[in-house]
């Protein structure tokens, strides 16, 4: 996945159709969810979040690398925090993919 393909995750607070939504709003939310699903699938298929593929992560790494002298003592904890965030995001992608596979298997068994 190239840097140009990266789009931040869309808020996922609208899984259910709300009674005060119009039909058009509901359809727009469904399209947004499908778009989010496609982004997650692309990320997983490309091996998850990899620093060399996402420009925002590269920027963060450079900022951490060239931290001002008065913040040098915070440099290592911040780098470890970024690493933890990336690892947790990749674990989420792995869990997400397993859930998608499980749901597909259940659908096949139901049919």
N, C-alpha and C. Protein backbone atom coordinates (compact mmCIF):
# COMPACT_ATOMS: atom_id res chain seq x y z
N UNK A 1 0.86 -1.17 0.00
CA UNK A 1 0.00 0.00 0.00
C UNK A 1 0.89 1.23 0.00
N UNK A 2 0.71 2.09 -0.96
CA UNK A 2 1.55 3.27 -1.06
C UNK A 2 1.03 4.38 -0.14
N UNK A 3 1.83 5.38 0.04
CA UNK A 3 1.44 6.51 0.89
C UNK A 3 0.18 7.18 0.35
N UNK A 4 0.04 7.20 -0.99
CA UNK A 4 -1.12 7.85 -1.60
C UNK A 4 -2.41 7.09 -1.30
N UNK A 5 -2.34 5.78 -1.05
CA UNK A 5 -3.52 4.97 -0.78
C UNK A 5 -4.01 5.11 0.64
N UNK A 6 -3.16 5.63 1.51
CA UNK A 6 -3.51 5.68 2.93
C UNK A 6 -4.56 6.73 3.19
N UNK A 7 -5.61 6.34 3.86
CA UNK A 7 -6.67 7.25 4.29
C UNK A 7 -6.93 6.96 5.75
N UNK A 8 -6.96 7.97 6.61
CA UNK A 8 -7.22 7.70 8.03
C UNK A 8 -8.53 6.95 8.24
N UNK A 9 -8.57 6.17 9.28
CA UNK A 9 -9.75 5.36 9.57
C UNK A 9 -10.96 6.24 9.83
N UNK A 10 -12.09 5.81 9.31
CA UNK A 10 -13.35 6.52 9.50
C UNK A 10 -13.96 6.06 10.81
N UNK A 11 -14.56 7.00 11.54
CA UNK A 11 -15.20 6.67 12.80
C UNK A 11 -16.26 5.60 12.59
N UNK A 12 -16.26 4.60 13.45
CA UNK A 12 -17.13 3.44 13.28
C UNK A 12 -18.26 3.43 14.31
N UNK A 13 -18.84 4.59 14.61
CA UNK A 13 -19.89 4.68 15.62
C UNK A 13 -21.28 4.49 15.05
N UNK A 14 -21.38 4.13 13.78
CA UNK A 14 -22.70 4.05 13.17
C UNK A 14 -22.97 2.69 12.56
N UNK A 15 -22.76 1.64 13.35
CA UNK A 15 -22.99 0.30 12.86
C UNK A 15 -24.47 0.01 12.62
N UNK A 16 -25.33 0.61 13.40
CA UNK A 16 -26.75 0.33 13.27
C UNK A 16 -27.46 1.52 12.65
N UNK A 17 -28.53 1.22 11.97
CA UNK A 17 -29.36 2.26 11.39
C UNK A 17 -30.10 2.98 12.51
N UNK A 18 -29.89 4.29 12.60
CA UNK A 18 -30.55 5.06 13.64
C UNK A 18 -31.89 5.54 13.13
N UNK A 19 -32.90 5.53 14.00
CA UNK A 19 -34.26 5.85 13.58
C UNK A 19 -34.40 7.29 13.09
N UNK A 20 -33.54 8.20 13.54
CA UNK A 20 -33.65 9.58 13.09
C UNK A 20 -32.86 9.85 11.81
N UNK A 21 -32.16 8.84 11.27
CA UNK A 21 -31.46 8.98 10.01
C UNK A 21 -32.43 8.87 8.84
N UNK A 22 -32.14 9.64 7.81
CA UNK A 22 -32.90 9.46 6.58
C UNK A 22 -32.32 8.27 5.85
N UNK A 23 -33.02 7.80 4.87
CA UNK A 23 -32.53 6.67 4.08
C UNK A 23 -31.20 7.02 3.41
N UNK A 24 -31.09 8.27 2.91
CA UNK A 24 -29.86 8.70 2.24
C UNK A 24 -28.68 8.71 3.21
N UNK A 25 -28.92 9.17 4.45
CA UNK A 25 -27.85 9.18 5.45
C UNK A 25 -27.41 7.77 5.78
N UNK A 26 -28.38 6.86 5.86
CA UNK A 26 -28.06 5.46 6.15
C UNK A 26 -27.22 4.87 5.02
N UNK A 27 -27.57 5.15 3.79
CA UNK A 27 -26.81 4.64 2.64
C UNK A 27 -25.40 5.23 2.66
N UNK A 28 -25.26 6.52 2.97
CA UNK A 28 -23.94 7.14 3.05
C UNK A 28 -23.09 6.47 4.12
N UNK A 29 -23.70 6.13 5.25
CA UNK A 29 -22.97 5.46 6.32
C UNK A 29 -22.55 4.06 5.89
N UNK A 30 -23.40 3.37 5.17
CA UNK A 30 -23.05 2.04 4.67
C UNK A 30 -21.87 2.13 3.71
N UNK A 31 -21.87 3.14 2.84
CA UNK A 31 -20.76 3.34 1.91
C UNK A 31 -19.47 3.63 2.68
N UNK A 32 -19.57 4.45 3.73
CA UNK A 32 -18.40 4.76 4.54
C UNK A 32 -17.86 3.51 5.22
N UNK A 33 -18.76 2.66 5.72
CA UNK A 33 -18.32 1.41 6.36
C UNK A 33 -17.65 0.49 5.34
N UNK A 34 -18.21 0.41 4.15
CA UNK A 34 -17.60 -0.42 3.09
C UNK A 34 -16.22 0.13 2.74
N UNK A 35 -16.10 1.45 2.66
CA UNK A 35 -14.82 2.08 2.37
C UNK A 35 -13.81 1.74 3.46
N UNK A 36 -14.24 1.82 4.72
CA UNK A 36 -13.37 1.49 5.84
C UNK A 36 -12.94 0.02 5.77
N UNK A 37 -13.87 -0.85 5.45
CA UNK A 37 -13.55 -2.28 5.33
C UNK A 37 -12.50 -2.49 4.25
N UNK A 38 -12.63 -1.78 3.12
CA UNK A 38 -11.66 -1.92 2.04
C UNK A 38 -10.27 -1.44 2.46
N UNK A 39 -10.21 -0.34 3.20
CA UNK A 39 -8.92 0.17 3.69
C UNK A 39 -8.28 -0.84 4.64
N UNK A 40 -9.06 -1.38 5.57
CA UNK A 40 -8.52 -2.36 6.51
C UNK A 40 -8.02 -3.60 5.77
N UNK A 41 -8.77 -4.04 4.76
CA UNK A 41 -8.36 -5.20 3.99
C UNK A 41 -7.05 -4.93 3.24
N UNK A 42 -6.95 -3.73 2.65
CA UNK A 42 -5.71 -3.36 1.94
C UNK A 42 -4.53 -3.35 2.90
N UNK A 43 -4.73 -2.74 4.08
CA UNK A 43 -3.65 -2.69 5.07
C UNK A 43 -3.21 -4.10 5.45
N UNK A 44 -4.18 -4.98 5.69
CA UNK A 44 -3.83 -6.35 6.09
C UNK A 44 -3.12 -7.07 4.95
N UNK A 45 -3.67 -6.96 3.75
CA UNK A 45 -3.08 -7.65 2.59
C UNK A 45 -1.66 -7.18 2.31
N UNK A 46 -1.38 -5.92 2.62
CA UNK A 46 -0.04 -5.37 2.39
C UNK A 46 0.91 -5.62 3.56
N UNK A 47 0.47 -6.39 4.54
CA UNK A 47 1.36 -6.74 5.64
C UNK A 47 1.23 -5.84 6.85
N UNK A 48 0.16 -5.07 6.92
CA UNK A 48 -0.06 -4.22 8.09
C UNK A 48 0.63 -2.88 7.96
N UNK A 49 0.70 -2.18 9.08
CA UNK A 49 1.37 -0.88 9.10
C UNK A 49 2.88 -1.11 9.06
N UNK A 50 3.48 -0.61 8.03
CA UNK A 50 4.94 -0.66 7.93
C UNK A 50 5.43 0.76 7.78
N UNK A 51 6.41 1.08 8.55
CA UNK A 51 6.89 2.47 8.64
C UNK A 51 7.26 3.04 7.27
N UNK A 52 7.83 2.23 6.40
CA UNK A 52 8.30 2.75 5.12
C UNK A 52 7.15 3.04 4.15
N UNK A 53 5.94 2.62 4.46
CA UNK A 53 4.82 2.80 3.53
C UNK A 53 3.88 3.93 3.90
N UNK A 54 3.96 4.45 5.09
CA UNK A 54 2.99 5.47 5.51
C UNK A 54 3.76 6.72 5.92
N UNK A 55 3.53 7.77 5.16
CA UNK A 55 4.30 9.01 5.32
C UNK A 55 4.15 9.63 6.70
N UNK A 56 2.96 9.53 7.29
CA UNK A 56 2.75 10.12 8.61
C UNK A 56 3.62 9.45 9.66
N UNK A 57 3.79 8.14 9.55
CA UNK A 57 4.65 7.42 10.49
C UNK A 57 6.11 7.82 10.26
N UNK A 58 6.49 8.01 9.00
CA UNK A 58 7.85 8.46 8.71
C UNK A 58 8.11 9.83 9.32
N UNK A 59 7.12 10.73 9.23
CA UNK A 59 7.27 12.05 9.84
C UNK A 59 7.44 11.95 11.35
N UNK A 60 6.61 11.11 11.97
CA UNK A 60 6.71 10.94 13.42
C UNK A 60 8.09 10.39 13.81
N UNK A 61 8.59 9.44 13.04
CA UNK A 61 9.90 8.87 13.33
C UNK A 61 11.00 9.93 13.22
N UNK A 62 10.90 10.77 12.21
CA UNK A 62 11.89 11.84 12.04
C UNK A 62 11.81 12.85 13.19
N UNK A 63 10.59 13.19 13.60
CA UNK A 63 10.44 14.11 14.72
C UNK A 63 11.05 13.54 15.99
N UNK A 64 10.85 12.25 16.20
CA UNK A 64 11.42 11.60 17.39
C UNK A 64 12.95 11.55 17.27
N UNK A 65 13.43 11.27 16.08
CA UNK A 65 14.87 11.15 15.84
C UNK A 65 15.60 12.47 16.11
N UNK A 66 14.98 13.57 15.72
CA UNK A 66 15.64 14.87 15.84
C UNK A 66 14.97 15.74 16.91
N UNK A 67 14.68 15.13 18.03
CA UNK A 67 14.06 15.84 19.14
C UNK A 67 15.04 16.88 19.69
N UNK A 68 14.53 18.06 20.12
CA UNK A 68 15.42 19.07 20.71
C UNK A 68 16.18 18.52 21.93
N UNK A 69 17.31 19.09 22.17
CA UNK A 69 18.21 18.61 23.23
C UNK A 69 17.53 18.54 24.59
N UNK A 70 16.67 19.50 24.91
CA UNK A 70 16.05 19.50 26.23
C UNK A 70 15.05 18.36 26.42
N UNK A 71 14.67 17.69 25.32
CA UNK A 71 13.73 16.56 25.41
C UNK A 71 14.40 15.22 25.12
N UNK A 72 15.72 15.18 25.08
CA UNK A 72 16.45 13.94 24.77
C UNK A 72 16.10 12.81 25.73
N UNK A 73 15.83 13.14 26.99
CA UNK A 73 15.50 12.10 27.96
C UNK A 73 14.15 11.45 27.67
N UNK A 74 13.31 12.11 26.89
CA UNK A 74 11.99 11.57 26.53
C UNK A 74 12.01 10.83 25.19
N UNK A 75 13.11 10.91 24.47
CA UNK A 75 13.20 10.35 23.12
C UNK A 75 12.93 8.85 23.08
N UNK A 76 13.57 8.09 23.93
CA UNK A 76 13.40 6.64 23.91
C UNK A 76 11.98 6.22 24.31
N UNK A 77 11.39 6.79 25.40
CA UNK A 77 10.01 6.40 25.72
C UNK A 77 9.01 6.74 24.60
N UNK A 78 9.22 7.87 23.93
CA UNK A 78 8.31 8.24 22.84
C UNK A 78 8.46 7.26 21.68
N UNK A 79 9.68 6.88 21.37
CA UNK A 79 9.92 5.91 20.29
C UNK A 79 9.28 4.56 20.63
N UNK A 80 9.41 4.14 21.87
CA UNK A 80 8.79 2.88 22.30
C UNK A 80 7.27 2.97 22.23
N UNK A 81 6.72 4.12 22.55
CA UNK A 81 5.27 4.33 22.47
C UNK A 81 4.80 4.22 21.02
N UNK A 82 5.49 4.84 20.09
CA UNK A 82 5.13 4.74 18.68
C UNK A 82 5.22 3.30 18.20
N UNK A 83 6.26 2.60 18.60
CA UNK A 83 6.41 1.19 18.24
C UNK A 83 5.24 0.37 18.79
N UNK A 84 4.85 0.63 20.02
CA UNK A 84 3.73 -0.08 20.63
C UNK A 84 2.43 0.19 19.87
N UNK A 85 2.20 1.45 19.49
CA UNK A 85 1.00 1.79 18.74
C UNK A 85 0.97 1.04 17.40
N UNK A 86 2.08 1.00 16.71
CA UNK A 86 2.15 0.29 15.43
C UNK A 86 1.91 -1.20 15.63
N UNK A 87 2.52 -1.78 16.65
CA UNK A 87 2.33 -3.21 16.92
C UNK A 87 0.88 -3.52 17.27
N UNK A 88 0.25 -2.66 18.09
CA UNK A 88 -1.15 -2.89 18.45
C UNK A 88 -2.06 -2.74 17.23
N UNK A 89 -1.76 -1.79 16.36
CA UNK A 89 -2.55 -1.62 15.13
C UNK A 89 -2.44 -2.87 14.26
N UNK A 90 -1.25 -3.42 14.16
CA UNK A 90 -1.07 -4.64 13.36
C UNK A 90 -1.77 -5.83 14.00
N UNK A 91 -1.78 -5.91 15.32
CA UNK A 91 -2.53 -6.98 15.99
C UNK A 91 -4.02 -6.82 15.73
N UNK A 92 -4.51 -5.57 15.76
CA UNK A 92 -5.91 -5.32 15.45
C UNK A 92 -6.24 -5.80 14.03
N UNK A 93 -5.36 -5.49 13.08
CA UNK A 93 -5.58 -5.92 11.70
C UNK A 93 -5.63 -7.44 11.60
N UNK A 94 -4.77 -8.11 12.35
CA UNK A 94 -4.75 -9.57 12.34
C UNK A 94 -6.05 -10.13 12.92
N UNK A 95 -6.49 -9.58 14.04
CA UNK A 95 -7.76 -10.01 14.66
C UNK A 95 -8.92 -9.72 13.72
N UNK A 96 -8.91 -8.54 13.11
CA UNK A 96 -9.95 -8.16 12.16
C UNK A 96 -10.04 -9.17 11.02
N UNK A 97 -8.89 -9.54 10.45
CA UNK A 97 -8.88 -10.48 9.34
C UNK A 97 -9.40 -11.85 9.77
N UNK A 98 -9.02 -12.31 10.95
CA UNK A 98 -9.52 -13.59 11.44
C UNK A 98 -11.04 -13.55 11.62
N UNK A 99 -11.55 -12.41 12.09
CA UNK A 99 -12.99 -12.26 12.29
C UNK A 99 -13.71 -12.28 10.93
N UNK A 100 -13.15 -11.64 9.94
CA UNK A 100 -13.75 -11.64 8.60
C UNK A 100 -13.80 -13.06 8.05
N UNK A 101 -12.71 -13.80 8.22
CA UNK A 101 -12.67 -15.19 7.74
C UNK A 101 -13.70 -16.03 8.47
N UNK A 102 -13.80 -15.85 9.79
CA UNK A 102 -14.80 -16.59 10.58
C UNK A 102 -16.22 -16.29 10.10
N UNK A 103 -16.50 -15.02 9.86
CA UNK A 103 -17.84 -14.64 9.40
C UNK A 103 -18.15 -15.24 8.03
N UNK A 104 -17.16 -15.28 7.15
CA UNK A 104 -17.36 -15.88 5.83
C UNK A 104 -17.63 -17.38 5.97
N UNK A 105 -16.89 -18.05 6.88
CA UNK A 105 -17.10 -19.48 7.09
C UNK A 105 -18.50 -19.73 7.64
N UNK A 106 -18.96 -18.89 8.56
CA UNK A 106 -20.30 -19.05 9.12
C UNK A 106 -21.37 -18.86 8.04
N UNK A 107 -21.15 -17.87 7.17
CA UNK A 107 -22.09 -17.63 6.08
C UNK A 107 -22.16 -18.82 5.12
N UNK A 108 -21.00 -19.42 4.85
CA UNK A 108 -20.98 -20.60 3.97
C UNK A 108 -21.72 -21.77 4.61
N UNK A 109 -21.53 -21.96 5.92
CA UNK A 109 -22.20 -23.05 6.61
C UNK A 109 -23.71 -22.82 6.66
N UNK A 110 -24.12 -21.57 6.78
CA UNK A 110 -25.55 -21.25 6.85
C UNK A 110 -26.23 -21.50 5.51
N UNK A 111 -25.49 -21.34 4.42
CA UNK A 111 -26.07 -21.56 3.10
C UNK A 111 -25.96 -22.98 2.77
